[in-house]
């Protein structure tokens, strides 16, 4: 059991010291920043209007392509 823990510890430390580990950390930070920006855009009134207009445009496009299919907009 102790050998397994030392093995895991060595692998984690080598990953952190390696350049790949730093790259992964940077990507996680970028993904986090983009996620926060998207959530902020959704919560603001401008984001809500943007989402509503996108939903309406998609419903209009579906109605134009597929006749007989009705798309009700939730907003």
N, C-alpha and C. Protein backbone atom coordinates (compact mmCIF):
# COMPACT_ATOMS: atom_id res chain seq x y z
N UNK A 1 0.83 -1.19 0.00
CA UNK A 1 0.00 0.00 0.00
C UNK A 1 0.87 1.25 0.00
N UNK A 2 1.92 1.22 0.80
CA UNK A 2 2.80 2.38 0.88
C UNK A 2 3.51 2.60 -0.45
N UNK A 3 3.90 1.50 -1.10
CA UNK A 3 4.55 1.63 -2.40
C UNK A 3 3.61 2.25 -3.44
N UNK A 4 2.36 1.90 -3.37
CA UNK A 4 1.39 2.47 -4.30
C UNK A 4 1.25 3.97 -4.07
N UNK A 5 1.19 4.39 -2.82
CA UNK A 5 1.09 5.82 -2.52
C UNK A 5 2.33 6.58 -2.98
N UNK A 6 3.52 5.99 -2.79
CA UNK A 6 4.75 6.64 -3.26
C UNK A 6 4.76 6.73 -4.79
N UNK A 7 4.27 5.68 -5.44
CA UNK A 7 4.21 5.69 -6.90
C UNK A 7 3.28 6.81 -7.40
N UNK A 8 2.11 6.91 -6.80
CA UNK A 8 1.16 7.97 -7.19
C UNK A 8 1.76 9.34 -6.91
N UNK A 9 2.42 9.48 -5.76
CA UNK A 9 3.05 10.76 -5.41
C UNK A 9 4.11 11.14 -6.44
N UNK A 10 4.95 10.18 -6.82
CA UNK A 10 6.00 10.45 -7.81
C UNK A 10 5.40 10.84 -9.17
N UNK A 11 4.33 10.16 -9.57
CA UNK A 11 3.70 10.48 -10.86
C UNK A 11 3.09 11.88 -10.84
N UNK A 12 2.42 12.24 -9.75
CA UNK A 12 1.81 13.57 -9.65
C UNK A 12 2.88 14.64 -9.66
N UNK A 13 3.96 14.44 -8.91
CA UNK A 13 5.04 15.43 -8.86
C UNK A 13 5.73 15.56 -10.22
N UNK A 14 5.93 14.46 -10.92
CA UNK A 14 6.57 14.55 -12.23
C UNK A 14 5.65 15.24 -13.23
N UNK A 15 4.34 15.04 -13.08
CA UNK A 15 3.39 15.70 -13.97
C UNK A 15 3.37 17.20 -13.72
N UNK A 16 3.45 17.60 -12.46
CA UNK A 16 3.44 19.02 -12.12
C UNK A 16 4.71 19.70 -12.60
N UNK A 17 5.83 19.02 -12.49
CA UNK A 17 7.10 19.60 -12.92
C UNK A 17 7.24 19.62 -14.44
N UNK A 18 6.53 18.74 -15.10
CA UNK A 18 6.62 18.63 -16.55
C UNK A 18 5.89 19.79 -17.22
N UNK A 19 6.28 20.11 -18.43
CA UNK A 19 5.65 21.21 -19.17
C UNK A 19 4.21 20.88 -19.53
N UNK A 20 3.90 19.61 -19.72
CA UNK A 20 2.52 19.23 -20.03
C UNK A 20 1.58 19.57 -18.89
N UNK A 21 2.04 19.41 -17.67
CA UNK A 21 1.22 19.75 -16.51
C UNK A 21 0.91 21.23 -16.47
N UNK A 22 1.88 22.05 -16.81
CA UNK A 22 1.65 23.49 -16.84
C UNK A 22 0.68 23.86 -17.95
N UNK A 23 0.78 23.18 -19.09
CA UNK A 23 -0.14 23.44 -20.19
C UNK A 23 -1.58 23.09 -19.80
N UNK A 24 -1.74 21.96 -19.15
CA UNK A 24 -3.07 21.54 -18.71
C UNK A 24 -3.65 22.57 -17.74
N UNK A 25 -2.83 23.04 -16.82
CA UNK A 25 -3.28 24.03 -15.85
C UNK A 25 -3.71 25.32 -16.56
N UNK A 26 -2.95 25.75 -17.57
CA UNK A 26 -3.32 26.95 -18.32
C UNK A 26 -4.63 26.75 -19.07
N UNK A 27 -4.82 25.58 -19.67
CA UNK A 27 -6.06 25.30 -20.37
C UNK A 27 -7.25 25.30 -19.42
N UNK A 28 -7.06 24.76 -18.24
CA UNK A 28 -8.14 24.76 -17.24
C UNK A 28 -8.49 26.19 -16.85
N UNK A 29 -7.50 27.05 -16.69
CA UNK A 29 -7.77 28.45 -16.38
C UNK A 29 -8.53 29.13 -17.51
N UNK A 30 -8.15 28.86 -18.74
CA UNK A 30 -8.84 29.48 -19.89
C UNK A 30 -10.28 29.00 -19.98
N UNK A 31 -10.49 27.70 -19.81
CA UNK A 31 -11.84 27.15 -19.86
C UNK A 31 -12.69 27.74 -18.74
N UNK A 32 -12.11 27.91 -17.56
CA UNK A 32 -12.84 28.52 -16.45
C UNK A 32 -13.22 29.95 -16.74
N UNK A 33 -12.32 30.72 -17.33
CA UNK A 33 -12.61 32.12 -17.64
C UNK A 33 -13.71 32.22 -18.70
N UNK A 34 -13.65 31.36 -19.70
CA UNK A 34 -14.67 31.37 -20.74
C UNK A 34 -16.03 30.96 -20.16
N UNK A 35 -16.03 29.99 -19.27
CA UNK A 35 -17.28 29.55 -18.64
C UNK A 35 -17.91 30.67 -17.83
N UNK A 36 -17.09 31.39 -17.08
CA UNK A 36 -17.60 32.52 -16.29
C UNK A 36 -18.15 33.61 -17.20
N UNK A 37 -17.48 33.88 -18.31
CA UNK A 37 -17.96 34.89 -19.25
C UNK A 37 -19.29 34.48 -19.87
N UNK A 38 -19.44 33.21 -20.21
CA UNK A 38 -20.69 32.73 -20.80
C UNK A 38 -21.82 32.82 -19.78
N UNK A 39 -21.56 32.40 -18.55
CA UNK A 39 -22.59 32.48 -17.52
C UNK A 39 -22.97 33.93 -17.23
N UNK A 40 -22.01 34.83 -17.22
CA UNK A 40 -22.31 36.24 -17.01
C UNK A 40 -23.15 36.79 -18.15
N UNK A 41 -22.88 36.36 -19.36
CA UNK A 41 -23.67 36.82 -20.51
C UNK A 41 -25.09 36.29 -20.44
N UNK A 42 -25.27 35.10 -19.93
CA UNK A 42 -26.61 34.53 -19.82
C UNK A 42 -27.43 35.24 -18.75
N UNK A 43 -26.79 35.61 -17.66
CA UNK A 43 -27.50 36.20 -16.53
C UNK A 43 -27.90 37.65 -16.80
N UNK A 44 -27.12 38.38 -17.54
CA UNK A 44 -27.42 39.79 -17.79
C UNK A 44 -28.62 39.93 -18.72
N UNK A 45 -29.31 41.05 -18.66
CA UNK A 45 -30.48 41.24 -19.54
C UNK A 45 -30.11 41.19 -21.03
N UNK A 46 -28.95 41.69 -21.38
CA UNK A 46 -28.53 41.64 -22.78
C UNK A 46 -28.37 40.19 -23.22
N UNK A 47 -27.79 39.37 -22.37
CA UNK A 47 -27.63 37.95 -22.69
C UNK A 47 -28.97 37.26 -22.83
N UNK A 48 -29.93 37.62 -21.99
CA UNK A 48 -31.26 37.02 -22.07
C UNK A 48 -31.93 37.38 -23.40
N UNK A 49 -31.81 38.63 -23.81
CA UNK A 49 -32.39 39.04 -25.10
C UNK A 49 -31.69 38.35 -26.27
N UNK A 50 -30.39 38.17 -26.16
CA UNK A 50 -29.64 37.49 -27.21
C UNK A 50 -30.08 36.04 -27.34
N UNK A 51 -30.25 35.37 -26.21
CA UNK A 51 -30.68 33.97 -26.24
C UNK A 51 -32.09 33.86 -26.80
N UNK A 52 -32.97 34.79 -26.41
CA UNK A 52 -34.34 34.77 -26.93
C UNK A 52 -34.37 34.96 -28.43
N UNK A 53 -33.55 35.87 -28.94
CA UNK A 53 -33.53 36.09 -30.39
C UNK A 53 -32.95 34.89 -31.13
N UNK A 54 -31.98 34.22 -30.54
CA UNK A 54 -31.42 33.02 -31.18
C UNK A 54 -32.46 31.91 -31.22
N UNK A 55 -33.19 31.73 -30.13
CA UNK A 55 -34.24 30.70 -30.10
C UNK A 55 -35.32 31.00 -31.13
N UNK A 56 -35.72 32.26 -31.23
CA UNK A 56 -36.73 32.64 -32.22
C UNK A 56 -36.23 32.41 -33.64
N UNK A 57 -34.98 32.73 -33.92
CA UNK A 57 -34.42 32.52 -35.25
C UNK A 57 -34.35 31.04 -35.59
N UNK A 58 -33.97 30.22 -34.63
CA UNK A 58 -33.90 28.77 -34.88
C UNK A 58 -35.29 28.22 -35.14
N UNK A 59 -36.27 28.67 -34.36
CA UNK A 59 -37.64 28.20 -34.58
C UNK A 59 -38.15 28.62 -35.95
N UNK A 60 -37.84 29.83 -36.37
CA UNK A 60 -38.23 30.29 -37.70
C UNK A 60 -37.57 29.45 -38.78
N UNK A 61 -36.29 29.14 -38.62
CA UNK A 61 -35.58 28.32 -39.60
C UNK A 61 -36.14 26.92 -39.66
N UNK A 62 -36.48 26.35 -38.51
CA UNK A 62 -37.06 25.00 -38.49
C UNK A 62 -38.42 25.02 -39.20
N UNK A 63 -39.21 26.05 -38.92
CA UNK A 63 -40.52 26.17 -39.57
C UNK A 63 -40.41 26.35 -41.07
N UNK A 64 -39.36 27.02 -41.54
CA UNK A 64 -39.18 27.24 -42.97
C UNK A 64 -38.72 25.97 -43.68
N UNK A 65 -37.91 25.16 -43.00
CA UNK A 65 -37.37 23.96 -43.63
C UNK A 65 -38.36 22.79 -43.54
N UNK A 66 -38.91 22.60 -42.37
CA UNK A 66 -39.82 21.47 -42.15
C UNK A 66 -41.24 22.03 -42.04
N UNK A 67 -42.00 21.87 -43.07
CA UNK A 67 -43.39 22.33 -43.02
C UNK A 67 -44.20 21.36 -42.18
N UNK A 68 -45.11 21.88 -41.43
CA UNK A 68 -45.93 21.04 -40.58
C UNK A 68 -45.36 20.87 -39.18
N UNK A 69 -44.16 21.35 -38.93
CA UNK A 69 -43.55 21.27 -37.61
C UNK A 69 -43.66 22.64 -36.97
N UNK A 70 -44.26 22.68 -35.78
CA UNK A 70 -44.38 23.96 -35.10
C UNK A 70 -43.38 24.01 -33.95
N UNK A 71 -42.76 25.13 -33.81
CA UNK A 71 -41.76 25.32 -32.76
C UNK A 71 -42.28 26.45 -31.86
N UNK A 72 -42.58 26.11 -30.63
CA UNK A 72 -43.05 27.16 -29.72
C UNK A 72 -41.87 27.70 -28.93
N UNK A 73 -41.78 28.98 -28.87
CA UNK A 73 -40.66 29.61 -28.17
C UNK A 73 -41.00 29.74 -26.70
N UNK A 74 -40.07 29.38 -25.81
CA UNK A 74 -40.33 29.46 -24.37
C UNK A 74 -40.24 30.88 -23.83
N UNK A 75 -39.64 31.81 -24.56
CA UNK A 75 -39.49 33.17 -24.06
C UNK A 75 -40.37 34.13 -24.79
